[in-house]
PDB file of N, CA and C in Angstrom:
ATOM      1  N   MET A   1       1.114   6.900  -5.950  1.00  0.00           N
ATOM      2  CA  MET A   1       1.199   7.743  -4.520  1.00  0.00           C
ATOM      3  C   MET A   1      -0.730   7.653  -4.519  1.00  0.00           C
ATOM      4  N   LEU A   2      -1.483   7.520  -5.477  1.00  0.00           N
ATOM      5  CA  LEU A   2      -2.556   7.793  -5.202  1.00  0.00           C
ATOM      6  C   LEU A   2      -3.098   6.640  -4.724  1.00  0.00           C
ATOM      7  N   LEU A   3      -2.671   5.203  -4.958  1.00  0.00           N
ATOM      8  CA  LEU A   3      -3.194   4.096  -4.258  1.00  0.00           C
ATOM      9  C   LEU A   3      -2.919   3.943  -2.844  1.00  0.00           C
ATOM     10  N   THR A   4      -1.738   5.004  -2.041  1.00  0.00           N
ATOM     11  CA  THR A   4      -1.288   4.987  -1.070  1.00  0.00           C
ATOM     12  C   THR A   4      -2.340   5.965  -0.366  1.00  0.00           C
ATOM     13  N   ALA A   5      -3.238   6.686  -1.107  1.00  0.00           N
ATOM     14  CA  ALA A   5      -4.040   7.770  -0.474  1.00  0.00           C
ATOM     15  C   ALA A   5      -5.202   7.169  -0.215  1.00  0.00           C
ATOM     16  N   VAL A   6      -5.669   6.117  -1.154  1.00  0.00           N
ATOM     17  CA  VAL A   6      -6.911   5.504  -0.956  1.00  0.00           C
ATOM     18  C   VAL A   6      -6.989   4.030  -0.057  1.00  0.00           C
ATOM     19  N   ASN A   7      -5.709   3.689   0.652  1.00  0.00           N
ATOM     20  CA  ASN A   7      -5.460   2.633   1.189  1.00  0.00           C
ATOM     21  C   ASN A   7      -6.213   2.811   2.645  1.00  0.00           C
ATOM     22  N   PRO A   8      -6.978   2.384   3.287  1.00  0.00           N
ATOM     23  CA  PRO A   8      -7.596   2.577   4.500  1.00  0.00           C
ATOM     24  C   PRO A   8      -6.425   2.531   5.661  1.00  0.00           C
ATOM     25  N   LEU A   9      -5.762   1.387   5.819  1.00  0.00           N
ATOM     26  CA  LEU A   9      -4.921   1.211   6.793  1.00  0.00           C
ATOM     27  C   LEU A   9      -3.947   2.224   6.629  1.00  0.00           C
ATOM     28  N   THR A  10      -3.268   2.645   5.457  1.00  0.00           N
ATOM     29  CA  THR A  10      -2.175   3.504   5.474  1.00  0.00           C
ATOM     30  C   THR A  10      -2.707   5.105   5.746  1.00  0.00           C
ATOM     31  N   LEU A  11      -4.044   5.351   5.449  1.00  0.00           N
ATOM     32  CA  LEU A  11      -4.539   6.613   5.939  1.00  0.00           C
ATOM     33  C   LEU A  11      -4.765   6.707   7.698  1.00  0.00           C
ATOM     34  N   VAL A  12      -4.996   5.465   8.156  1.00  0.00           N
ATOM     35  CA  VAL A  12      -5.104   5.355   9.287  1.00  0.00           C
ATOM     36  C   VAL A  12      -3.574   5.740  10.268  1.00  0.00           C
ATOM     37  N   TYR A  13      -2.637   5.022   9.850  1.00  0.00           N
ATOM     38  CA  TYR A  13      -1.244   5.306   9.903  1.00  0.00           C
ATOM     39  C   TYR A  13      -0.944   6.679   9.938  1.00  0.00           C
ATOM     40  N   PHE A  14      -1.171   7.214   8.532  1.00  0.00           N
ATOM     41  CA  PHE A  14      -0.950   8.750   8.263  1.00  0.00           C
ATOM     42  C   PHE A  14      -1.583   9.852   9.274  1.00  0.00           C
ATOM     43  N   PHE A  15      -2.883   9.388   9.870  1.00  0.00           N
ATOM     44  CA  PHE A  15      -3.519  10.233  10.613  1.00  0.00           C
ATOM     45  C   PHE A  15      -3.024  10.342  11.828  1.00  0.00           C
ATOM     46  N   ALA A  16      -2.540   8.911  12.313  1.00  0.00           N
ATOM     47  CA  ALA A  16      -1.932   8.835  13.518  1.00  0.00           C
ATOM     48  C   ALA A  16      -0.357   9.545  13.549  1.00  0.00           C
ATOM     49  N   LEU A  17       0.295   9.463  12.592  1.00  0.00           N
ATOM     50  CA  LEU A  17       1.555  10.359  12.803  1.00  0.00           C
ATOM     51  C   LEU A  17       1.437  11.679  12.467  1.00  0.00           C
ATOM     52  N   ALA A  18       0.217  12.216  11.775  1.00  0.00           N
ATOM     53  CA  ALA A  18      -0.070  13.629  11.667  1.00  0.00           C
ATOM     54  C   ALA A  18      -0.288  14.271  13.114  1.00  0.00           C
ATOM     55  N   GLY A  19      -0.822  13.545  13.761  1.00  0.00           N
ATOM     56  CA  GLY A  19      -0.844  13.873  15.246  1.00  0.00           C
ATOM     57  C   GLY A  19       0.001  14.425  15.938  1.00  0.00           C
ATOM     58  N   THR A  20       1.396  13.836  15.575  1.00  0.00           N
ATOM     59  CA  THR A  20       2.468  13.896  16.236  1.00  0.00           C
ATOM     60  C   THR A  20       3.447  15.053  15.627  1.00  0.00           C
ATOM     61  N   VAL A  21       3.083  15.339  14.409  1.00  0.00           N
ATOM     62  CA  VAL A  21       3.842  16.262  13.682  1.00  0.00           C
ATOM     63  C   VAL A  21       3.802  17.822  14.469  1.00  0.00           C
ATOM     64  N   SER A  22       4.715  18.325  15.178  1.00  0.00           N
ATOM     65  CA  SER A  22       4.556  19.581  16.139  1.00  0.00           C
ATOM     66  C   SER A  22       4.819  20.694  15.056  1.00  0.00           C
ATOM     67  N   ALA A  23       4.100  21.669  14.756  1.00  0.00           N
ATOM     68  CA  ALA A  23       3.946  22.862  14.282  1.00  0.00           C
ATOM     69  C   ALA A  23       3.449  24.119  14.655  1.00  0.00           C
ATOM     70  N   VAL A  24       4.323  25.033  14.668  1.00  0.00           N
ATOM     71  CA  VAL A  24       3.872  26.327  15.188  1.00  0.00           C
ATOM     72  C   VAL A  24       2.306  26.814  14.568  1.00  0.00           C
ATOM     73  N   PRO A  25       1.474  27.140  15.244  1.00  0.00           N
ATOM     74  CA  PRO A  25       0.370  27.672  14.465  1.00  0.00           C
ATOM     75  C   PRO A  25       0.556  28.612  13.401  1.00  0.00           C
ATOM     76  N   GLY A  26      -0.008  28.413  12.303  1.00  0.00           N
ATOM     77  CA  GLY A  26       0.472  29.376  10.992  1.00  0.00           C
ATOM     78  C   GLY A  26       1.437  29.014  10.590  1.00  0.00           C
ATOM     79  N   ASP A  27       2.200  27.928  10.878  1.00  0.00           N
ATOM     80  CA  ASP A  27       3.179  27.578  10.310  1.00  0.00           C
ATOM     81  C   ASP A  27       3.061  26.297   9.416  1.00  0.00           C
ATOM     82  N   TRP A  28       3.308  26.067   8.134  1.00  0.00           N
ATOM     83  CA  TRP A  28       2.991  25.157   7.335  1.00  0.00           C
ATOM     84  C   TRP A  28       4.404  24.199   7.411  1.00  0.00           C
ATOM     85  N   THR A  29       5.520  24.481   7.894  1.00  0.00           N
ATOM     86  CA  THR A  29       6.684  23.533   7.549  1.00  0.00           C
ATOM     87  C   THR A  29       6.380  22.150   8.156  1.00  0.00           C
ATOM     88  N   GLY A  30       6.107  22.114   9.090  1.00  0.00           N
ATOM     89  CA  GLY A  30       5.949  20.605   9.779  1.00  0.00           C
ATOM     90  C   GLY A  30       5.214  19.816   8.871  1.00  0.00           C
ATOM     91  N   PRO A  31       3.821  20.225   9.005  1.00  0.00           N
ATOM     92  CA  PRO A  31       3.104  19.019   8.091  1.00  0.00           C
ATOM     93  C   PRO A  31       3.153  19.348   6.688  1.00  0.00           C
ATOM     94  N   GLY A  32       3.926  20.281   6.319  1.00  0.00           N
ATOM     95  CA  GLY A  32       4.221  20.236   4.767  1.00  0.00           C
ATOM     96  C   GLY A  32       5.491  19.218   4.695  1.00  0.00           C
ATOM     97  N   VAL A  33       6.357  19.321   5.553  1.00  0.00           N
ATOM     98  CA  VAL A  33       7.439  18.145   5.157  1.00  0.00           C
ATOM     99  C   VAL A  33       6.672  16.749   5.412  1.00  0.00           C
ATOM    100  N   PHE A  34       5.877  16.821   6.362  1.00  0.00           N
ATOM    101  CA  PHE A  34       5.348  15.342   6.583  1.00  0.00           C
ATOM    102  C   PHE A  34       4.607  14.937   5.382  1.00  0.00           C
ATOM    103  N   VAL A  35       4.026  15.914   4.870  1.00  0.00           N
ATOM    104  CA  VAL A  35       3.417  15.270   3.700  1.00  0.00           C
ATOM    105  C   VAL A  35       4.270  14.901   2.418  1.00  0.00           C
ATOM    106  N   VAL A  36       5.169  16.043   2.500  1.00  0.00           N
ATOM    107  CA  VAL A  36       6.058  15.687   0.951  1.00  0.00           C
ATOM    108  C   VAL A  36       6.966  14.240   1.452  1.00  0.00           C
ATOM    109  N   ALA A  37       7.481  14.214   2.685  1.00  0.00           N
ATOM    110  CA  ALA A  37       7.949  12.734   3.097  1.00  0.00           C
ATOM    111  C   ALA A  37       7.368  11.958   2.548  1.00  0.00           C
ATOM    112  N   ALA A  38       6.075  11.666   3.264  1.00  0.00           N
ATOM    113  CA  ALA A  38       5.224  10.602   3.122  1.00  0.00           C
ATOM    114  C   ALA A  38       4.977  10.057   1.221  1.00  0.00           C
ATOM    115  N   GLY A  39       4.900  11.176   0.990  1.00  0.00           N
ATOM    116  CA  GLY A  39       4.758  11.083  -0.511  1.00  0.00           C
ATOM    117  C   GLY A  39       5.878  10.577  -1.401  1.00  0.00           C
ATOM    118  N   LEU A  40       6.841  10.956  -1.009  1.00  0.00           N
ATOM    119  CA  LEU A  40       7.996  10.409  -1.556  1.00  0.00           C
ATOM    120  C   LEU A  40       8.451   8.996  -1.228  1.00  0.00           C
ATOM    121  N   ALA A  41       8.044   8.987   0.158  1.00  0.00           N
ATOM    122  CA  ALA A  41       8.180   7.334   0.376  1.00  0.00           C
ATOM    123  C   ALA A  41       7.403   6.188   0.026  1.00  0.00           C
ATOM    124  N   SER A  42       6.104   6.881  -0.348  1.00  0.00           N
ATOM    125  CA  SER A  42       5.199   6.084  -1.139  1.00  0.00           C
ATOM    126  C   SER A  42       5.625   5.816  -2.549  1.00  0.00           C
ATOM    127  N   LEU A  43       6.035   6.851  -3.181  1.00  0.00           N
ATOM    128  CA  LEU A  43       6.422   6.743  -4.514  1.00  0.00           C
ATOM    129  C   LEU A  43       7.676   5.877  -4.725  1.00  0.00           C
ATOM    130  N   LEU A  44       8.329   5.742  -3.747  1.00  0.00           N
ATOM    131  CA  LEU A  44       9.836   5.002  -3.872  1.00  0.00           C
ATOM    132  C   LEU A  44       9.429   3.669  -3.660  1.00  0.00           C
ATOM    133  N   TRP A  45       8.762   3.399  -2.511  1.00  0.00           N
ATOM    134  CA  TRP A  45       8.040   1.981  -2.277  1.00  0.00           C
ATOM    135  C   TRP A  45       7.388   1.121  -3.577  1.00  0.00           C
ATOM    136  N   GLN A  46       6.559   2.134  -4.431  1.00  0.00           N
ATOM    137  CA  GLN A  46       5.825   1.548  -5.175  1.00  0.00           C
ATOM    138  C   GLN A  46       6.875   1.429  -6.399  1.00  0.00           C
ATOM    139  N   THR A  47       7.948   2.400  -6.663  1.00  0.00           N
ATOM    140  CA  THR A  47       8.681   2.098  -7.965  1.00  0.00           C
ATOM    141  C   THR A  47       9.884   0.965  -7.450  1.00  0.00           C
ATOM    142  N   GLY A  48       9.733   0.760  -6.369  1.00  0.00           N
ATOM    143  CA  GLY A  48      10.873  -0.340  -5.981  1.00  0.00           C
ATOM    144  C   GLY A  48      10.072  -1.825  -6.514  1.00  0.00           C
ATOM    145  N   LEU A  49       9.033  -1.490  -5.988  1.00  0.00           N
ATOM    146  CA  LEU A  49       8.067  -2.701  -6.182  1.00  0.00           C
ATOM    147  C   LEU A  49       7.844  -3.163  -7.668  1.00  0.00           C
ATOM    148  N   ALA A  50       7.617  -1.968  -8.351  1.00  0.00           N
ATOM    149  CA  ALA A  50       7.386  -2.172  -9.936  1.00  0.00           C
ATOM    150  C   ALA A  50       8.671  -2.773 -10.597  1.00  0.00           C
ATOM    151  N   THR A  51       9.810  -2.199  -9.958  1.00  0.00           N
ATOM    152  CA  THR A  51      11.162  -2.590 -10.505  1.00  0.00           C
ATOM    153  C   THR A  51      11.611  -4.081 -10.082  1.00  0.00           C
ATOM    154  N   VAL A  52      11.283  -4.551  -9.100  1.00  0.00           N
ATOM    155  CA  VAL A  52      11.415  -5.737  -8.735  1.00  0.00           C
ATOM    156  C   VAL A  52      10.564  -6.953  -9.343  1.00  0.00           C
ATOM    157  N   GLY A  53       9.523  -6.425  -9.386  1.00  0.00           N
ATOM    158  CA  GLY A  53       8.355  -7.035 -10.138  1.00  0.00           C
ATOM    159  C   GLY A  53       8.611  -7.253 -11.572  1.00  0.00           C
ATOM    160  N   ALA A  54       9.478  -6.076 -12.448  1.00  0.00           N
ATOM    161  CA  ALA A  54       9.502  -6.159 -13.732  1.00  0.00           C
ATOM    162  C   ALA A  54      10.717  -6.915 -14.120  1.00  0.00           C
ATOM    163  N   ALA A  55      11.820  -6.911 -13.124  1.00  0.00           N
ATOM    164  CA  ALA A  55      12.799  -7.893 -13.155  1.00  0.00           C
ATOM    165  C   ALA A  55      12.364  -9.318 -13.041  1.00  0.00           C
ATOM    166  N   LEU A  56      11.850  -9.846 -12.246  1.00  0.00           N
ATOM    167  CA  LEU A  56      11.387 -11.059 -12.164  1.00  0.00           C
ATOM    168  C   LEU A  56      10.636 -11.451 -12.835  1.00  0.00           C
ATOM    169  N   GLY A  57       9.435 -10.572 -13.363  1.00  0.00           N
ATOM    170  CA  GLY A  57       8.740 -10.981 -14.222  1.00  0.00           C
ATOM    171  C   GLY A  57       9.149 -11.592 -15.656  1.00  0.00           C
ATOM    172  N   ALA A  58      10.572 -10.794 -16.173  1.00  0.00           N
ATOM    173  CA  ALA A  58      10.971 -10.958 -17.168  1.00  0.00           C
ATOM    174  C   ALA A  58      11.855 -12.427 -17.162  1.00  0.00           C
ATOM    175  N   THR A  59      12.043 -12.943 -15.882  1.00  0.00           N
ATOM    176  CA  THR A  59      12.973 -14.211 -15.953  1.00  0.00           C
ATOM    177  C   THR A  59      12.019 -15.240 -15.642  1.00  0.00           C
ATOM    178  N   VAL A  60      10.741 -15.177 -15.461  1.00  0.00           N
ATOM    179  CA  VAL A  60       9.578 -16.344 -15.008  1.00  0.00           C
ATOM    180  C   VAL A  60       9.030 -16.878 -16.166  1.00  0.00           C
ATOM    181  N   PRO A  61       9.047 -18.164 -16.578  1.00  0.00           N
ATOM    182  CA  PRO A  61       8.386 -18.639 -17.772  1.00  0.00           C
ATOM    183  C   PRO A  61       7.080 -18.423 -17.679  1.00  0.00           C
ATOM    184  N   VAL A  62       6.158 -18.418 -18.619  1.00  0.00           N
ATOM    185  CA  VAL A  62       4.882 -18.042 -18.897  1.00  0.00           C
ATOM    186  C   VAL A  62       3.930 -18.855 -18.047  1.00  0.00           C
ATOM    187  N   ARG A  63       4.280 -20.237 -18.328  1.00  0.00           N
ATOM    188  CA  ARG A  63       3.647 -21.002 -17.370  1.00  0.00           C
ATOM    189  C   ARG A  63       3.669 -21.049 -15.799  1.00  0.00           C
ATOM    190  N   VAL A  64       4.797 -20.502 -15.323  1.00  0.00           N
ATOM    191  CA  VAL A  64       4.808 -20.364 -13.965  1.00  0.00           C
ATOM    192  C   VAL A  64       4.369 -19.345 -13.468  1.00  0.00           C
ATOM    193  N   ALA A  65       4.238 -17.908 -14.370  1.00  0.00           N
ATOM    194  CA  ALA A  65       3.666 -16.810 -14.154  1.00  0.00           C
ATOM    195  C   ALA A  65       2.063 -16.777 -14.209  1.00  0.00           C
ATOM    196  N   ASP A  66       1.707 -17.927 -15.092  1.00  0.00           N
ATOM    197  CA  ASP A  66      -0.069 -18.416 -14.945  1.00  0.00           C
ATOM    198  C   ASP A  66      -0.436 -18.916 -13.701  1.00  0.00           C
ATOM    199  N   LEU A  67       0.645 -19.852 -13.109  1.00  0.00           N
ATOM    200  CA  LEU A  67       0.213 -20.601 -12.216  1.00  0.00           C
ATOM    201  C   LEU A  67       0.331 -19.561 -10.834  1.00  0.00           C
ATOM    202  N   LEU A  68       1.175 -18.534 -10.953  1.00  0.00           N
ATOM    203  CA  LEU A  68       1.088 -17.620  -9.927  1.00  0.00           C
ATOM    204  C   LEU A  68       0.220 -16.782  -9.924  1.00  0.00           C
ATOM    205  N   GLY A  69      -0.434 -16.566 -11.027  1.00  0.00           N
ATOM    206  CA  GLY A  69      -1.962 -15.585 -11.398  1.00  0.00           C
ATOM    207  C   GLY A  69      -2.832 -16.470 -10.430  1.00  0.00           C
ATOM    208  N   VAL A  70      -2.907 -17.631 -10.824  1.00  0.00           N
ATOM    209  CA  VAL A  70      -4.291 -18.317 -10.291  1.00  0.00           C
ATOM    210  C   VAL A  70      -3.814 -18.546  -8.620  1.00  0.00           C
ATOM    211  N   VAL A  71      -2.839 -18.895  -8.343  1.00  0.00           N
ATOM    212  CA  VAL A  71      -2.619 -19.012  -6.881  1.00  0.00           C
ATOM    213  C   VAL A  71      -3.131 -17.576  -6.173  1.00  0.00           C
ATOM    214  N   ALA A  72      -2.285 -16.249  -6.741  1.00  0.00           N
ATOM    215  CA  ALA A  72      -2.742 -14.953  -6.326  1.00  0.00           C
ATOM    216  C   ALA A  72      -4.368 -14.824  -6.028  1.00  0.00           C
ATOM    217  N   SER A  73      -4.974 -15.164  -7.208  1.00  0.00           N
ATOM    218  CA  SER A  73      -6.522 -15.029  -7.371  1.00  0.00           C
ATOM    219  C   SER A  73      -7.349 -15.772  -6.134  1.00  0.00           C
ATOM    220  N   LEU A  74      -6.747 -17.141  -6.047  1.00  0.00           N
ATOM    221  CA  LEU A  74      -7.390 -17.877  -4.834  1.00  0.00           C
ATOM    222  C   LEU A  74      -7.166 -17.318  -3.730  1.00  0.00           C
ATOM    223  N   ILE A  75      -5.604 -16.807  -3.164  1.00  0.00           N
ATOM    224  CA  ILE A  75      -5.487 -16.016  -1.966  1.00  0.00           C
ATOM    225  C   ILE A  75      -6.617 -15.108  -1.969  1.00  0.00           C
ATOM    226  N   VAL A  76      -6.701 -13.942  -2.757  1.00  0.00           N
ATOM    227  CA  VAL A  76      -7.562 -12.842  -2.872  1.00  0.00           C
ATOM    228  C   VAL A  76      -9.304 -13.505  -2.243  1.00  0.00           C
ATOM    229  N   VAL A  77      -9.373 -14.244  -3.094  1.00  0.00           N
ATOM    230  CA  VAL A  77     -10.658 -14.911  -2.914  1.00  0.00           C
ATOM    231  C   VAL A  77     -11.025 -15.564  -1.495  1.00  0.00           C
ATOM    232  N   ALA A  78      -9.687 -16.187  -1.046  1.00  0.00           N
ATOM    233  CA  ALA A  78     -10.185 -16.825   0.171  1.00  0.00           C
ATOM    234  C   ALA A  78      -9.983 -15.425   1.327  1.00  0.00           C
ATOM    235  N   LEU A  79      -9.145 -14.566   1.162  1.00  0.00           N
ATOM    236  CA  LEU A  79      -9.152 -13.317   1.987  1.00  0.00           C
ATOM    237  C   LEU A  79     -10.470 -12.670   1.881  1.00  0.00           C
ATOM    238  N   GLY A  80     -11.026 -12.666   0.837  1.00  0.00           N
ATOM    239  CA  GLY A  80     -12.387 -11.810   1.075  1.00  0.00           C
ATOM    240  C   GLY A  80     -13.356 -12.679   1.388  1.00  0.00           C
ATOM    241  N   ALA A  81     -13.571 -14.074   1.211  1.00  0.00           N
ATOM    242  CA  ALA A  81     -14.657 -14.839   2.086  1.00  0.00           C
ATOM    243  C   ALA A  81     -14.226 -14.917   3.479  1.00  0.00           C
ATOM    244  N   THR A  82     -12.997 -14.992   3.997  1.00  0.00           N
ATOM    245  CA  THR A  82     -12.611 -14.700   5.055  1.00  0.00           C
ATOM    246  C   THR A  82     -13.422 -13.348   5.838  1.00  0.00           C
ATOM    247  N   VAL A  83     -13.341 -12.326   5.457  1.00  0.00           N
ATOM    248  CA  VAL A  83     -13.570 -11.243   5.553  1.00  0.00           C
ATOM    249  C   VAL A  83     -15.643 -11.117   5.450  1.00  0.00           C
ATOM    250  N   VAL A  84     -15.809 -11.872   4.904  1.00  0.00           N
ATOM    251  CA  VAL A  84     -17.449 -11.912   4.657  1.00  0.00           C
ATOM    252  C   VAL A  84     -17.831 -12.775   6.040  1.00  0.00           C
ATOM    253  N   VAL A  85     -17.177 -13.642   6.014  1.00  0.00           N
ATOM    254  CA  VAL A  85     -17.476 -14.918   7.155  1.00  0.00           C
ATOM    255  C   VAL A  85     -17.459 -13.912   8.613  1.00  0.00           C
ATOM    256  N   VAL A  86     -16.481 -13.569   8.817  1.00  0.00           N
ATOM    257  CA  VAL A  86     -16.037 -12.829   9.881  1.00  0.00           C
ATOM    258  C   VAL A  86     -16.919 -11.767  10.376  1.00  0.00           C
ATOM    259  N   THR A  87     -17.295 -11.029   9.111  1.00  0.00           N
ATOM    260  CA  THR A  87     -18.327  -9.997   9.489  1.00  0.00           C
ATOM    261  C   THR A  87     -19.481 -10.540   9.553  1.00  0.00           C
ATOM    262  N   ALA A  88     -20.006 -11.625   9.275  1.00  0.00           N
ATOM    263  CA  ALA A  88     -21.265 -12.287   9.248  1.00  0.00           C
ATOM    264  C   ALA A  88     -21.482 -12.575  10.766  1.00  0.00           C
ATOM    265  N   VAL A  89     -20.425 -13.339  11.119  1.00  0.00           N
ATOM    266  CA  VAL A  89     -20.193 -13.547  12.572  1.00  0.00           C
ATOM    267  C   VAL A  89     -20.344 -12.643  13.713  1.00  0.00           C
ATOM    268  N   THR A  90     -19.834 -11.357  13.538  1.00  0.00           N
ATOM    269  CA  THR A  90     -19.726 -10.498  14.543  1.00  0.00           C
ATOM    270  C   THR A  90     -20.745  -9.597  14.471  1.00  0.00           C
TER     271      THR A  90
END
């Protein structure tokens, strides 16, 4: 859940939704329910990803896992380079 809290796009999305939470002044139930629901949704999503990853990881051979790691790393480097180039151009 902490990863969701520090993800900039998630924060922007939650702030946008938080503006639509109608609450009576002095009443914490609307915002409280929103915060709890968002936290539980985040926890469920991350748990689901971890479960699927563990299940698939147990069936993938070591060489394939190594190859996937290299490909994933190259994708991250390419995305980072894209951000640097776009930032430098604009």
